[in-house]
Amino acid sequence: MLSTDTDILTAAESWRRDGRAVALATVIETWGSAPRPVGSHLVVDGDGNFLGSVSGGCVEGAVVTESLEAIADGRPRVIEFGVADETAWRVGLSCGGRIRVLIERID
């Protein structure tokens, strides 16, 4: 079961209050067929625990990895996945769509 956006943002706030390092990933743009709509969230802590979803399949793993890097270096980033990308099949977005995800550390 997917958590609601309220659950995800509440978890991010709670994790920060607990002293955990946190990054928030948000779907900012989609084209064509995309598994999750704009505004979908995934929150990740410094240990790699996560809640929510921005896509599915291996895309989630790539977003978690990028989130851990954002926690470490503090720099926000936008990453894109789609069928035009040679890694589309590997990361699981072979549905014909593309997504852009903003990842930012929450301080």
Protein backbone atom coordinates (compact mmCIF):
# COMPACT_ATOMS: atom_id res chain seq x y z
CA MET A 1 0.00 0.00 0.00
CA LEU A 2 1.28 3.46 -0.88
CA SER A 3 1.36 6.09 1.81
CA THR A 4 -0.45 9.37 1.27
CA ASP A 5 1.49 12.56 0.58
CA THR A 6 0.47 13.76 4.06
CA ASP A 7 1.97 10.61 5.61
CA ILE A 8 5.18 11.06 3.65
CA LEU A 9 5.62 14.74 4.56
CA THR A 10 4.72 14.02 8.19
CA ALA A 11 7.35 11.27 8.24
CA ALA A 12 9.95 13.66 6.77
CA GLU A 13 9.19 16.20 9.48
CA SER A 14 9.27 13.57 12.21
CA TRP A 15 12.54 12.07 10.95
CA ARG A 16 14.17 15.53 10.95
CA ARG A 17 12.91 16.20 14.50
CA ASP A 18 14.50 12.89 15.51
CA GLY A 19 17.84 14.14 14.16
CA ARG A 20 17.88 11.98 11.05
CA ALA A 21 19.35 13.28 7.78
CA VAL A 22 16.52 13.50 5.24
CA ALA A 23 16.00 14.08 1.52
CA LEU A 24 12.70 14.58 -0.25
CA ALA A 25 12.13 13.48 -3.85
CA THR A 26 9.18 15.00 -5.73
CA VAL A 27 7.86 14.25 -9.21
CA ILE A 28 7.93 17.66 -10.91
CA GLU A 29 7.05 16.75 -14.47
CA THR A 30 5.69 13.81 -16.47
CA TRP A 31 5.19 13.12 -20.18
CA GLY A 32 3.13 10.34 -21.65
CA SER A 33 2.52 7.28 -19.53
CA ALA A 34 3.94 7.70 -16.02
CA PRO A 35 3.28 5.49 -13.00
CA ARG A 36 2.90 8.37 -10.48
CA PRO A 37 1.50 11.89 -10.95
CA VAL A 38 3.24 15.23 -10.52
CA GLY A 39 3.54 16.01 -6.81
CA SER A 40 4.20 12.42 -5.72
CA HIS A 41 6.82 12.16 -2.97
CA LEU A 42 9.47 9.78 -1.67
CA VAL A 43 11.28 10.60 1.58
CA VAL A 44 14.67 9.00 2.31
CA ASP A 45 16.78 9.10 5.46
CA GLY A 46 20.56 8.89 5.71
CA ASP A 47 20.41 5.14 6.36
CA GLY A 48 18.48 4.50 3.13
CA ASN A 49 15.09 3.97 4.78
CA PHE A 50 12.31 5.38 2.62
CA LEU A 51 8.58 5.97 2.46
CA GLY A 52 6.42 6.85 -0.54
CA SER A 53 6.85 6.44 -4.26
CA VAL A 54 7.83 8.51 -7.28
CA SER A 55 7.62 5.75 -9.87
CA GLY A 56 8.18 2.11 -9.16
CA GLY A 57 10.58 -0.65 -10.05
CA CYS A 58 14.25 0.19 -10.31
CA VAL A 59 13.54 3.92 -10.65
CA GLU A 60 12.90 3.98 -6.90
CA GLY A 61 16.35 2.49 -6.26
CA ALA A 62 18.01 5.12 -8.43
CA VAL A 63 16.08 7.89 -6.65
CA VAL A 64 17.11 6.53 -3.23
CA THR A 65 20.76 6.47 -4.35
CA GLU A 66 20.56 10.06 -5.63
CA SER A 67 18.79 11.09 -2.41
CA LEU A 68 21.63 9.70 -0.32
CA GLU A 69 24.07 11.72 -2.43
CA ALA A 70 21.94 14.85 -1.92
CA ILE A 71 22.00 14.25 1.83
CA ALA A 72 25.79 13.94 1.71
CA ASP A 73 26.58 16.97 -0.47
CA GLY A 74 23.56 19.19 0.25
CA ARG A 75 23.00 20.00 -3.42
CA PRO A 76 19.52 19.65 -4.91
CA ARG A 77 19.27 17.89 -8.24
CA VAL A 78 16.78 17.06 -10.94
CA ILE A 79 16.97 13.63 -12.49
CA GLU A 80 15.04 12.33 -15.48
CA PHE A 81 13.99 8.85 -16.49
CA GLY A 82 12.39 7.85 -19.77
CA VAL A 83 12.41 5.61 -22.78
CA ALA A 84 14.75 7.94 -24.67
CA ASP A 85 17.34 7.19 -22.04
CA GLU A 86 19.45 4.12 -22.87
CA THR A 87 18.90 2.93 -19.30
CA ALA A 88 15.09 3.03 -19.52
CA TRP A 89 14.67 -0.73 -19.50
CA ARG A 90 17.19 -1.16 -16.72
CA VAL A 91 15.50 1.35 -14.39
CA GLY A 92 12.00 0.12 -15.16
CA LEU A 93 10.39 3.03 -17.05
CA SER A 94 9.74 1.21 -20.29
CA CYS A 95 6.06 2.26 -20.32
CA GLY A 96 6.60 4.97 -22.93
CA GLY A 97 6.67 7.93 -20.57
CA ARG A 98 9.23 10.16 -18.93
CA ILE A 99 9.44 11.65 -15.46
CA ARG A 100 11.54 14.39 -13.86
CA VAL A 101 12.20 14.20 -10.13
CA LEU A 102 13.52 16.98 -7.87
CA ILE A 103 15.62 15.73 -4.98
CA GLU A 104 16.54 18.04 -2.12
CA ARG A 105 18.00 17.65 1.34
CA ILE A 106 15.65 18.81 4.08
CA ASP A 107 17.43 20.84 6.74
